[in-house]
Amino acid sequence: MVSSPVRFADLTNAASGRQVLRDYSNLLVRPLLLPQSPLFGTDGIRGRVGDILTEALAVQVGWAAGQILGTKYGQGVVILGMDSRNSSAALSEAIASGLVSTGLTVWHLGLCPTPCVASLIPVMGAIGGVMISASHNPPEDNGIKFFGADGRKLSWELQEAIETQLRSPEPKVSLNLENAGEYRLRPELCADYLQALQETLPAGTNFSGLKIVLDTAWGAAVDLAPLGFQQLGAEVICLHGQADGDRINVHCGSTHLETLQAAVIDHQADLGFAFDGDADRLMAIDSQGRVVDGDYILYLWGKSLLEAGQLPQNTIVTTVMANLGFEKAWEALGGIFLRTPVGDQHVQAAMQSTGAMLGGEQSGHILCPHYSVSGDGLLVAMHLTQLVKNSGTSLANLRDSSFTTYPQVLRNVRVEDRETRLSWQGCLELREAIVAAEQAMAGQGRILVRASGTEPLIRVMVEAIDQEMVTYWAEQLVQVVENHLLTKAY
């Protein structure tokens, strides 16, 4: 270890040989001002950089995680990756310093999708992994995601143990050469990940003759997504295809599909795929420019697996956000449809407990343990393309023959105060408005109000068989949130 500052840009791209890190001893022992509410949300720690999420927090989270992972699994390797945000390099270096201060070894992949980190953990025999990313959030946010030795999101219990360790008054050790682990740059492992993805497809798979537009959102998939499809023979047109920390997710990617929809039509492409900032989810576009979201992807992939006898108990696990039209269509096939709270951790837990082999979210986060330990946008895009190729028809035709969605409106209200957001159930006026909406729908619709686990938002979802009813009650509920939660009038 050395104490002089060294930036990531100064480090050599070495597959072996110990690398240097800045000495973060002063940040490791600095007292942190932490909120009373839990740091870990539905997808790790996430927030505005410079607010709660700082280099000091990253160093100490790394130290706390090193204590817990080392105790759980013993000394070993932690695989680290990051997206393209301007803050990701500094936070990566800081958390790496915290981890190596506990004696663990860190292999840093550099810019890569979140599932690249997750999938390499069991393959390389690592004891865990960390991804620095805020997924679909705007550029000014960032986050810290942890994975266990199996490559899956770290359990709630271990996340709570890390937070307890972080909040402990126990003195933190200083960085020094005697007790520190090693830090190595391992970007070449990303090629192994891409090859492993392609090997999940049937032998001889070739996408020649298909024109595909990819929106990589200026994020983690800018290199691997185009390369992967080109290697499989597809003609690829790439949007937002360079790493750009100022523009990641800005009016692009899986949460802003308009540009991709237009590009698919303009280029007369067969398919379009939009990734989020860390590429663990995706949304698809058919040749007519229509959205094929996670519900459609689950239905189409699930039907294919069901027909191949590869879907235990014909079960799909999804969340409370899944459309009623999807549910009714799947049950019409004789399938079992299980709903969980929002969040891939909830979906994954239900899949593990039931033995289900396909699950996911409407937002495009898909889990299929046949092929991957985590949600993987690039994996799903490849398999959906292969499904279309084998069908002999278009994604548009497959979409038309699947199901009809019920009208659904999702509105977001920004509520910056964390405590107010997490305790929204205490608002009597909002509870009464929800009851009134449910009574008006008389069993022909659904209401879902929840605090986002990843952004400072209250999400209001209204779904019913009648579009006018959906629009009316969505507006009514949003007004109640704005009138009472934003002013804390309860």
Protein backbone atom coordinates (compact mmCIF):
# COMPACT_ATOMS: atom_id res chain seq x y z
CA MET A 1 0.00 0.00 0.00
CA VAL A 2 1.05 3.56 -0.63
CA SER A 3 -0.32 6.76 0.79
CA SER A 4 0.08 9.01 -2.26
CA PRO A 5 -3.14 9.61 -4.24
CA VAL A 6 -3.43 7.48 -7.36
CA ARG A 7 -6.38 7.78 -9.72
CA PHE A 8 -7.88 4.87 -11.65
CA ALA A 9 -6.63 6.39 -14.88
CA ASP A 10 -3.06 6.08 -13.58
CA LEU A 11 -3.26 2.37 -12.88
CA THR A 12 -1.89 -0.09 -15.40
CA ASN A 13 -4.25 -2.61 -16.99
CA ALA A 14 -2.60 -5.66 -15.45
CA ALA A 15 -4.16 -9.09 -15.12
CA SER A 16 -1.68 -9.90 -12.40
CA GLY A 17 0.53 -8.01 -10.05
CA ARG A 18 -0.53 -6.04 -7.04
CA GLN A 19 -2.02 -2.61 -7.74
CA VAL A 20 -1.90 0.47 -5.56
CA LEU A 21 -4.77 2.21 -3.81
CA ARG A 22 -4.98 5.53 -2.10
CA ASP A 23 -4.57 5.48 1.65
CA TYR A 24 -8.06 6.04 3.04
CA SER A 25 -7.08 5.64 6.70
CA ASN A 26 -8.43 9.05 7.60
CA LEU A 27 -11.84 8.21 6.10
CA LEU A 28 -11.89 4.75 7.64
CA VAL A 29 -11.93 6.15 11.16
CA ARG A 30 -14.01 9.27 10.50
CA PRO A 31 -17.38 9.28 12.36
CA LEU A 32 -20.33 9.00 9.98
CA LEU A 33 -23.63 10.82 10.27
CA LEU A 34 -26.04 8.06 9.29
CA PRO A 35 -29.83 8.30 9.04
CA GLN A 36 -31.91 6.45 11.60
CA SER A 37 -33.74 4.60 8.85
CA PRO A 38 -31.99 1.58 7.27
CA LEU A 39 -29.28 2.25 4.71
CA PHE A 40 -30.06 -0.85 2.65
CA GLY A 41 -33.12 -0.65 0.44
CA THR A 42 -34.55 -3.10 -2.07
CA ASP A 43 -31.38 -2.95 -4.15
CA GLY A 44 -28.50 -2.23 -1.80
CA ILE A 45 -27.49 1.26 -0.69
CA ARG A 46 -28.51 4.03 -3.05
CA GLY A 47 -28.73 7.80 -2.94
CA ARG A 48 -27.45 11.18 -4.05
CA VAL A 49 -23.65 11.33 -4.21
CA GLY A 50 -22.26 13.76 -1.66
CA ASP A 51 -25.33 13.43 0.55
CA ILE A 52 -25.36 10.08 2.34
CA LEU A 53 -23.32 8.38 -0.37
CA THR A 54 -19.72 9.55 0.06
CA GLU A 55 -16.21 8.11 -0.21
CA ALA A 56 -16.11 7.98 3.60
CA LEU A 57 -19.26 5.86 3.64
CA ALA A 58 -17.90 3.62 0.87
CA VAL A 59 -14.65 2.96 2.73
CA GLN A 60 -16.46 2.10 5.94
CA VAL A 61 -19.10 -0.01 4.18
CA GLY A 62 -16.24 -1.89 2.53
CA TRP A 63 -14.63 -2.43 5.92
CA ALA A 64 -17.91 -3.60 7.49
CA ALA A 65 -18.68 -5.88 4.54
CA GLY A 66 -15.17 -7.30 4.75
CA GLN A 67 -15.72 -8.19 8.39
CA ILE A 68 -19.03 -9.94 7.65
CA LEU A 69 -18.02 -11.68 4.41
CA GLY A 70 -14.69 -12.78 5.88
CA THR A 71 -16.43 -14.26 8.92
CA LYS A 72 -19.09 -15.95 6.78
CA TYR A 73 -16.91 -17.34 3.99
CA GLY A 74 -13.30 -16.96 5.12
CA GLN A 75 -10.56 -14.97 3.43
CA GLY A 76 -10.84 -14.84 -0.33
CA VAL A 77 -11.61 -12.76 -3.42
CA VAL A 78 -14.33 -10.14 -3.81
CA ILE A 79 -15.19 -9.19 -7.40
CA LEU A 80 -15.88 -5.50 -7.99
CA GLY A 81 -17.47 -3.72 -10.94
CA MET A 82 -18.86 -0.29 -11.74
CA ASP A 83 -21.04 1.60 -14.19
CA SER A 84 -20.09 4.77 -16.06
CA ARG A 85 -21.17 7.44 -13.55
CA ASN A 86 -18.64 10.14 -12.79
CA SER A 87 -18.64 9.09 -9.14
CA SER A 88 -18.22 5.35 -9.75
CA ALA A 89 -14.42 5.25 -10.01
CA ALA A 90 -13.86 7.10 -6.72
CA LEU A 91 -16.49 5.05 -4.88
CA SER A 92 -15.04 1.82 -6.31
CA GLU A 93 -11.58 2.70 -5.13
CA ALA A 94 -12.88 3.67 -1.71
CA ILE A 95 -14.89 0.49 -1.15
CA ALA A 96 -11.97 -1.60 -2.43
CA SER A 97 -9.76 0.03 0.20
CA GLY A 98 -12.22 -0.83 2.93
CA LEU A 99 -12.40 -4.44 1.77
CA VAL A 100 -8.65 -4.96 1.49
CA SER A 101 -8.18 -3.39 4.93
CA THR A 102 -9.84 -6.52 6.34
CA GLY A 103 -7.45 -8.83 4.48
CA LEU A 104 -9.69 -9.65 1.52
CA THR A 105 -8.48 -9.60 -2.07
CA VAL A 106 -10.35 -7.40 -4.57
CA TRP A 107 -10.48 -8.04 -8.31
CA HIS A 108 -11.76 -4.95 -10.10
CA LEU A 109 -13.40 -5.57 -13.50
CA GLY A 110 -13.83 -1.89 -14.30
CA LEU A 111 -16.82 -0.86 -16.43
CA CYS A 112 -19.17 -3.82 -16.74
CA PRO A 113 -22.81 -4.86 -16.30
CA THR A 114 -23.98 -5.85 -12.83
CA PRO A 115 -24.67 -9.46 -13.93
CA CYS A 116 -21.06 -9.71 -15.10
CA VAL A 117 -19.99 -9.34 -11.47
CA ALA A 118 -22.69 -11.71 -10.20
CA SER A 119 -22.04 -14.48 -12.72
CA LEU A 120 -18.26 -14.48 -12.27
CA ILE A 121 -18.41 -14.89 -8.48
CA PRO A 122 -19.23 -18.64 -8.39
CA VAL A 123 -17.21 -19.33 -11.55
CA MET A 124 -14.06 -17.80 -10.06
CA GLY A 125 -14.65 -19.17 -6.57
CA ALA A 126 -14.97 -15.70 -5.05
CA ILE A 127 -16.62 -15.15 -1.67
CA GLY A 128 -18.73 -12.21 -2.85
CA GLY A 129 -19.06 -9.24 -5.11
CA VAL A 130 -19.82 -5.53 -5.17
CA MET A 131 -21.28 -3.40 -7.95
CA ILE A 132 -21.06 0.38 -7.84
CA SER A 133 -24.16 1.54 -9.69
CA ALA A 134 -27.51 3.23 -9.22
CA SER A 135 -29.09 1.17 -12.00
CA HIS A 136 -31.76 3.28 -13.76
CA ASN A 137 -31.33 6.34 -11.49
CA PRO A 138 -30.07 9.70 -12.84
CA PRO A 139 -26.33 10.50 -13.11
CA GLU A 140 -26.11 12.36 -9.80
CA ASP A 141 -27.09 9.20 -7.87
CA ASN A 142 -25.04 6.11 -7.20
CA GLY A 143 -25.28 2.92 -5.20
CA ILE A 144 -23.57 -0.10 -3.69
CA LYS A 145 -24.92 -3.60 -4.43
CA PHE A 146 -23.58 -6.68 -2.67
CA PHE A 147 -23.59 -10.30 -3.80
CA GLY A 148 -22.85 -13.48 -1.87
CA ALA A 149 -20.63 -16.43 -2.77
CA ASP A 150 -23.43 -17.94 -4.89
CA GLY A 151 -23.65 -14.81 -7.05
CA ARG A 152 -27.10 -13.89 -5.80
CA LYS A 153 -28.00 -10.64 -4.07
CA LEU A 154 -26.71 -10.74 -0.52
CA SER A 155 -29.39 -11.94 1.91
CA TRP A 156 -31.32 -9.49 4.06
CA GLU A 157 -29.68 -11.03 7.10
CA LEU A 158 -26.14 -10.38 5.86
CA GLN A 159 -27.03 -6.88 4.70
CA GLU A 160 -28.40 -6.14 8.16
CA ALA A 161 -25.24 -7.59 9.67
CA ILE A 162 -23.11 -5.26 7.53
CA GLU A 163 -25.17 -2.27 8.60
CA THR A 164 -24.97 -3.30 12.26
CA GLN A 165 -21.19 -3.61 11.91
CA LEU A 166 -21.05 -0.23 10.19
CA ARG A 167 -22.96 1.44 13.02
CA SER A 168 -20.91 -0.32 15.70
CA PRO A 169 -18.67 1.84 17.93
CA GLU A 170 -15.93 -0.78 17.49
CA PRO A 171 -12.65 0.86 16.37
CA LYS A 172 -11.81 0.34 12.70
CA VAL A 173 -8.31 -0.81 11.77
CA SER A 174 -6.08 1.45 9.69
CA LEU A 175 -4.83 0.48 6.27
CA ASN A 176 -1.33 -0.93 6.40
CA LEU A 177 0.86 -3.27 4.40
CA GLU A 178 0.92 -5.99 7.04
CA ASN A 179 -2.81 -6.80 7.26
CA ALA A 180 -4.12 -5.61 3.90
CA GLY A 181 -5.27 -7.88 1.10
CA GLU A 182 -4.43 -7.48 -2.56
CA TYR A 183 -6.07 -5.29 -5.17
CA ARG A 184 -5.92 -6.32 -8.84
CA LEU A 185 -7.41 -5.03 -12.08
CA ARG A 186 -9.10 -7.87 -14.00
CA PRO A 187 -11.00 -6.38 -16.97
CA GLU A 188 -10.16 -9.37 -19.14
CA LEU A 189 -12.68 -11.46 -17.18
CA CYS A 190 -15.51 -9.56 -18.90
CA ALA A 191 -14.75 -11.53 -22.08
CA ASP A 192 -15.28 -14.76 -20.12
CA TYR A 193 -18.69 -13.47 -19.04
CA LEU A 194 -19.71 -12.67 -22.61
CA GLN A 195 -18.62 -16.10 -23.83
CA ALA A 196 -20.58 -17.76 -21.03
CA LEU A 197 -23.71 -15.85 -22.09
CA GLN A 198 -23.41 -17.06 -25.66
CA GLU A 199 -22.90 -20.63 -24.47
CA THR A 200 -26.37 -20.61 -22.84
CA LEU A 201 -27.87 -20.48 -26.35
CA PRO A 202 -28.35 -23.64 -28.44
CA ALA A 203 -25.26 -24.73 -30.34
CA GLY A 204 -25.04 -23.07 -33.72
CA THR A 205 -27.25 -20.11 -32.81
CA ASN A 206 -26.85 -17.40 -35.41
CA PHE A 207 -28.66 -14.08 -35.66
CA SER A 208 -27.64 -13.32 -39.25
CA GLY A 209 -30.43 -11.66 -41.17
CA LEU A 210 -31.69 -9.79 -38.11
CA LYS A 211 -31.28 -6.06 -37.70
CA ILE A 212 -31.23 -5.07 -34.02
CA VAL A 213 -31.12 -1.61 -32.43
CA LEU A 214 -29.52 -1.43 -28.98
CA ASP A 215 -29.87 1.46 -26.53
CA THR A 216 -27.08 1.04 -24.00
CA ALA A 217 -27.98 4.23 -22.09
CA TRP A 218 -24.40 5.59 -21.98
CA GLY A 219 -23.90 2.96 -19.29
CA ALA A 220 -22.37 -0.37 -18.33
CA ALA A 221 -23.31 -2.30 -21.48
CA VAL A 222 -21.78 0.05 -24.07
CA ASP A 223 -18.98 -2.38 -24.94
CA LEU A 224 -20.35 -5.86 -24.31
CA ALA A 225 -23.91 -5.61 -25.67
CA PRO A 226 -23.00 -4.59 -29.27
CA LEU A 227 -20.05 -6.97 -29.33
CA GLY A 228 -22.15 -9.90 -28.12
CA PHE A 229 -24.80 -9.48 -30.82
CA GLN A 230 -22.24 -8.82 -33.54
CA GLN A 231 -20.39 -12.01 -32.64
CA LEU A 232 -23.69 -13.88 -33.10
CA GLY A 233 -24.09 -12.46 -36.61
CA ALA A 234 -26.68 -9.73 -36.11
CA GLU A 235 -26.57 -6.35 -37.80
CA VAL A 236 -26.34 -3.94 -34.85
CA ILE A 237 -27.23 -0.27 -34.61
CA CYS A 238 -26.20 1.20 -31.26
CA LEU A 239 -27.71 4.25 -29.57
CA HIS A 240 -26.06 6.08 -26.67
CA GLY A 241 -23.14 3.75 -27.13
CA GLN A 242 -20.27 5.35 -25.23
CA ALA A 243 -19.61 5.45 -21.50
CA ASP A 244 -20.76 8.89 -20.36
CA GLY A 245 -21.18 9.67 -16.68
CA ASP A 246 -22.98 12.93 -17.39
CA ARG A 247 -25.68 11.33 -19.55
CA ILE A 248 -26.21 7.81 -18.19
CA ASN A 249 -29.99 7.11 -18.23
CA VAL A 250 -30.80 10.69 -19.28
CA HIS A 251 -33.76 10.45 -21.69
CA CYS A 252 -32.54 7.05 -22.82
CA GLY A 253 -32.34 3.42 -21.79
CA SER A 254 -35.03 1.17 -20.37
CA THR A 255 -36.96 4.00 -18.68
CA HIS A 256 -37.07 6.32 -21.72
CA LEU A 257 -37.98 4.30 -24.79
CA GLU A 258 -39.09 6.98 -27.26
CA THR A 259 -35.74 7.32 -29.05
CA LEU A 260 -35.37 3.56 -29.42
CA GLN A 261 -38.93 3.18 -30.69
CA ALA A 262 -38.31 5.79 -33.37
CA ALA A 263 -34.95 4.24 -34.32
CA VAL A 264 -36.43 0.76 -34.76
CA ILE A 265 -39.02 2.15 -37.18
CA ASP A 266 -36.58 4.45 -39.00
CA HIS A 267 -34.06 1.64 -39.55
CA GLN A 268 -36.80 -0.93 -40.31
CA ALA A 269 -35.22 -3.12 -37.66
CA ASP A 270 -36.55 -6.45 -36.46
CA LEU A 271 -35.99 -5.79 -32.77
CA GLY A 272 -34.88 -3.15 -30.32
CA PHE A 273 -33.49 -3.57 -26.83
CA ALA A 274 -33.02 -0.89 -24.16
CA PHE A 275 -30.81 -1.54 -21.14
CA ASP A 276 -30.69 0.42 -17.92
CA GLY A 277 -27.48 1.94 -16.56
CA ASP A 278 -26.08 -1.31 -15.18
CA ALA A 279 -27.73 -3.65 -17.73
CA ASP A 280 -29.41 -5.99 -15.28
CA ARG A 281 -32.76 -5.29 -16.91
CA LEU A 282 -34.09 -4.49 -20.35
CA MET A 283 -37.17 -3.53 -22.32
CA ALA A 284 -37.80 -4.73 -25.87
CA ILE A 285 -39.35 -2.98 -28.87
CA ASP A 286 -41.03 -4.84 -31.74
CA SER A 287 -40.76 -3.91 -35.42
CA GLN A 288 -43.85 -1.71 -35.13
CA GLY A 289 -42.23 0.36 -32.38
CA ARG A 290 -44.38 -1.12 -29.62
CA VAL A 291 -43.06 -1.81 -26.13
CA VAL A 292 -42.56 -5.43 -25.10
CA ASP A 293 -42.10 -5.07 -21.34
CA GLY A 294 -41.21 -7.57 -18.65
CA ASP A 295 -44.73 -8.99 -18.54
CA TYR A 296 -44.63 -9.89 -22.24
CA ILE A 297 -41.08 -11.21 -21.98
CA LEU A 298 -42.03 -13.45 -19.06
CA TYR A 299 -45.10 -14.73 -20.90
CA LEU A 300 -43.28 -15.47 -24.17
CA TRP A 301 -40.20 -17.01 -22.57
CA GLY A 302 -42.37 -18.85 -20.03
CA LYS A 303 -44.56 -20.33 -22.78
CA SER A 304 -41.46 -21.51 -24.62
CA LEU A 305 -40.03 -23.13 -21.49
CA LEU A 306 -43.41 -24.63 -20.62
CA GLU A 307 -43.69 -26.24 -24.07
CA ALA A 308 -40.16 -27.62 -23.67
CA GLY A 309 -41.00 -29.12 -20.28
CA GLN A 310 -38.47 -26.87 -18.54
CA LEU A 311 -40.80 -24.94 -16.23
CA PRO A 312 -41.38 -26.72 -12.89
CA GLN A 313 -45.08 -26.71 -11.95
CA ASN A 314 -45.65 -24.30 -14.86
CA THR A 315 -44.97 -21.48 -12.40
CA ILE A 316 -44.03 -17.87 -13.05
CA VAL A 317 -43.13 -15.59 -10.14
CA THR A 318 -43.67 -11.88 -10.61
CA THR A 319 -44.64 -8.85 -8.55
CA VAL A 320 -47.74 -6.92 -7.59
CA MET A 321 -47.02 -4.63 -10.58
CA ALA A 322 -47.67 -7.36 -13.18
CA ASN A 323 -50.65 -6.65 -15.42
CA LEU A 324 -53.93 -8.49 -14.84
CA GLY A 325 -54.06 -9.37 -18.52
CA PHE A 326 -50.78 -11.25 -18.17
CA GLU A 327 -52.05 -13.10 -15.11
CA LYS A 328 -55.28 -14.21 -16.77
CA ALA A 329 -53.51 -15.31 -19.96
CA TRP A 330 -50.92 -17.34 -18.07
CA GLU A 331 -53.58 -19.06 -15.98
CA ALA A 332 -55.47 -19.84 -19.20
CA LEU A 333 -52.42 -21.87 -20.25
CA GLY A 334 -52.74 -23.87 -17.04
CA GLY A 335 -49.88 -22.03 -15.39
CA ILE A 336 -49.45 -20.91 -11.80
CA PHE A 337 -49.00 -17.18 -11.25
CA LEU A 338 -47.35 -16.03 -8.02
CA ARG A 339 -47.01 -12.36 -6.99
CA THR A 340 -44.49 -10.85 -4.56
CA PRO A 341 -43.74 -7.31 -3.35
CA VAL A 342 -41.75 -5.17 -5.79
CA GLY A 343 -38.03 -5.94 -5.92
CA ASP A 344 -36.01 -8.72 -7.51
CA GLN A 345 -34.90 -9.93 -4.08
CA HIS A 346 -38.52 -10.75 -3.24
CA VAL A 347 -38.96 -12.50 -6.59
CA GLN A 348 -35.75 -14.45 -6.12
CA ALA A 349 -36.70 -15.50 -2.58
CA ALA A 350 -40.07 -16.80 -3.78
CA MET A 351 -38.42 -18.66 -6.64
CA GLN A 352 -35.98 -20.34 -4.28
CA SER A 353 -38.73 -21.37 -1.87
CA THR A 354 -41.02 -22.75 -4.60
CA GLY A 355 -38.46 -24.14 -7.01
CA ALA A 356 -39.69 -21.86 -9.80
CA MET A 357 -37.31 -21.33 -12.71
CA LEU A 358 -38.68 -18.12 -14.21
CA GLY A 359 -39.62 -14.85 -12.57
CA GLY A 360 -39.22 -11.14 -12.84
CA GLU A 361 -40.72 -7.70 -12.96
CA GLN A 362 -42.72 -5.66 -15.43
CA SER A 363 -39.83 -3.18 -15.48
CA GLY A 364 -37.70 -5.75 -17.30
CA HIS A 365 -35.74 -7.43 -14.52
CA ILE A 366 -35.97 -11.14 -15.43
CA LEU A 367 -34.60 -14.10 -13.47
CA CYS A 368 -34.06 -17.51 -15.05
CA PRO A 369 -31.85 -19.83 -12.95
CA HIS A 370 -31.53 -22.19 -15.91
CA TYR A 371 -28.97 -19.76 -17.25
CA SER A 372 -27.97 -17.13 -14.69
CA VAL A 373 -27.78 -16.48 -10.96
CA SER A 374 -29.07 -12.91 -11.36
CA GLY A 375 -31.14 -10.66 -13.57
CA ASP A 376 -29.24 -10.11 -16.81
CA GLY A 377 -30.50 -7.80 -19.53
CA LEU A 378 -28.04 -9.00 -22.16
CA LEU A 379 -28.80 -12.66 -21.46
CA VAL A 380 -32.55 -12.09 -21.76
CA ALA A 381 -32.11 -10.05 -24.95
CA MET A 382 -30.13 -12.89 -26.54
CA HIS A 383 -32.70 -15.53 -25.55
CA LEU A 384 -35.64 -13.42 -26.70
CA THR A 385 -33.89 -12.90 -30.05
CA GLN A 386 -33.26 -16.64 -30.31
CA LEU A 387 -36.93 -17.30 -29.50
CA VAL A 388 -38.01 -14.93 -32.29
CA LYS A 389 -35.52 -16.47 -34.74
CA ASN A 390 -36.74 -20.00 -34.01
CA SER A 391 -40.42 -19.03 -34.22
CA GLY A 392 -40.11 -18.08 -37.87
CA THR A 393 -42.24 -15.01 -37.22
CA SER A 394 -41.72 -11.54 -35.75
CA LEU A 395 -41.74 -10.26 -32.20
CA ALA A 396 -44.73 -8.14 -33.22
CA ASN A 397 -46.72 -11.27 -34.12
CA LEU A 398 -45.66 -13.04 -30.95
CA ARG A 399 -46.78 -10.03 -28.92
CA ASP A 400 -50.16 -9.90 -30.68
CA SER A 401 -50.82 -13.57 -29.97
CA SER A 402 -49.94 -13.39 -26.27
CA PHE A 403 -52.40 -11.30 -24.20
CA THR A 404 -54.17 -7.96 -23.99
CA THR A 405 -53.10 -5.70 -21.17
CA TYR A 406 -55.51 -3.99 -18.81
CA PRO A 407 -55.17 -0.18 -18.78
CA GLN A 408 -52.57 0.72 -16.19
CA VAL A 409 -51.19 4.07 -15.06
CA LEU A 410 -48.05 4.51 -12.97
CA ARG A 411 -47.42 7.98 -11.54
CA ASN A 412 -44.42 9.07 -9.48
CA VAL A 413 -44.39 11.86 -6.91
CA ARG A 414 -41.00 13.05 -5.69
CA VAL A 415 -40.87 13.10 -1.88
CA GLU A 416 -37.36 14.09 -0.82
CA ASP A 417 -37.82 13.58 2.92
CA ARG A 418 -36.85 9.96 3.54
CA GLU A 419 -38.73 9.52 6.81
CA THR A 420 -41.95 10.94 5.34
CA ARG A 421 -41.62 8.71 2.29
CA LEU A 422 -41.09 5.51 4.25
CA SER A 423 -43.95 6.24 6.66
CA TRP A 424 -46.58 7.21 4.08
CA GLN A 425 -49.04 4.69 5.55
CA GLY A 426 -49.49 7.12 8.43
CA CYS A 427 -51.35 9.54 6.14
CA LEU A 428 -55.04 9.03 6.93
CA GLU A 429 -56.21 11.02 3.90
CA LEU A 430 -54.22 8.80 1.54
CA ARG A 431 -55.49 5.61 3.16
CA GLU A 432 -59.07 6.84 2.84
CA ALA A 433 -58.54 7.78 -0.82
CA ILE A 434 -57.21 4.30 -1.57
CA VAL A 435 -60.26 2.70 0.04
CA ALA A 436 -62.58 4.97 -1.96
CA ALA A 437 -60.83 4.04 -5.22
CA GLU A 438 -60.99 0.32 -4.48
CA GLN A 439 -64.71 0.54 -3.66
CA ALA A 440 -65.40 2.43 -6.89
CA MET A 441 -63.65 -0.28 -8.92
CA ALA A 442 -65.80 -3.00 -7.34
CA GLY A 443 -63.25 -5.75 -7.88
CA GLN A 444 -62.50 -4.77 -11.49
CA GLY A 445 -59.17 -3.13 -10.77
CA ARG A 446 -56.20 -2.70 -8.43
CA ILE A 447 -54.52 0.11 -6.49
CA LEU A 448 -50.89 0.00 -5.42
CA VAL A 449 -49.19 2.83 -3.54
CA ARG A 450 -45.63 2.31 -2.33
CA ALA A 451 -42.40 4.07 -1.51
CA SER A 452 -39.68 3.37 -4.05
CA GLY A 453 -36.79 1.40 -2.62
CA THR A 454 -34.31 2.98 -5.03
CA GLU A 455 -35.42 6.59 -5.61
CA PRO A 456 -37.01 9.41 -3.52
CA LEU A 457 -40.44 8.68 -4.98
CA ILE A 458 -43.91 7.61 -3.95
CA ARG A 459 -45.23 5.41 -6.74
CA VAL A 460 -48.96 5.30 -7.45
CA MET A 461 -50.25 2.52 -9.71
CA VAL A 462 -53.87 2.21 -10.80
CA GLU A 463 -55.11 -0.62 -13.01
CA ALA A 464 -58.66 -1.41 -14.15
CA ILE A 465 -60.66 -2.67 -17.07
CA ASP A 466 -61.81 0.89 -17.87
CA GLN A 467 -59.26 3.53 -18.99
CA GLU A 468 -61.30 6.50 -17.75
CA MET A 469 -61.54 4.99 -14.29
CA VAL A 470 -57.79 4.38 -14.25
CA THR A 471 -56.97 7.95 -15.29
CA TYR A 472 -59.42 9.50 -12.81
CA TRP A 473 -58.29 7.60 -9.74
CA ALA A 474 -54.60 7.92 -10.56
CA GLU A 475 -55.01 11.70 -10.64
CA GLN A 476 -57.03 11.73 -7.42
CA LEU A 477 -54.44 9.70 -5.53
CA VAL A 478 -51.51 11.76 -6.85
CA GLN A 479 -53.26 14.92 -5.66
CA VAL A 480 -53.65 13.47 -2.17
CA VAL A 481 -49.95 12.55 -2.07
CA GLU A 482 -48.96 16.04 -3.21
CA ASN A 483 -51.32 17.80 -0.82
CA HIS A 484 -50.39 15.83 2.28
CA LEU A 485 -47.06 14.02 2.01
CA LEU A 486 -45.14 16.92 0.49
CA THR A 487 -46.31 19.15 3.32
CA LYS A 488 -46.18 16.41 5.98
CA ALA A 489 -49.79 17.30 6.81
CA TYR A 490 -50.52 14.17 8.82
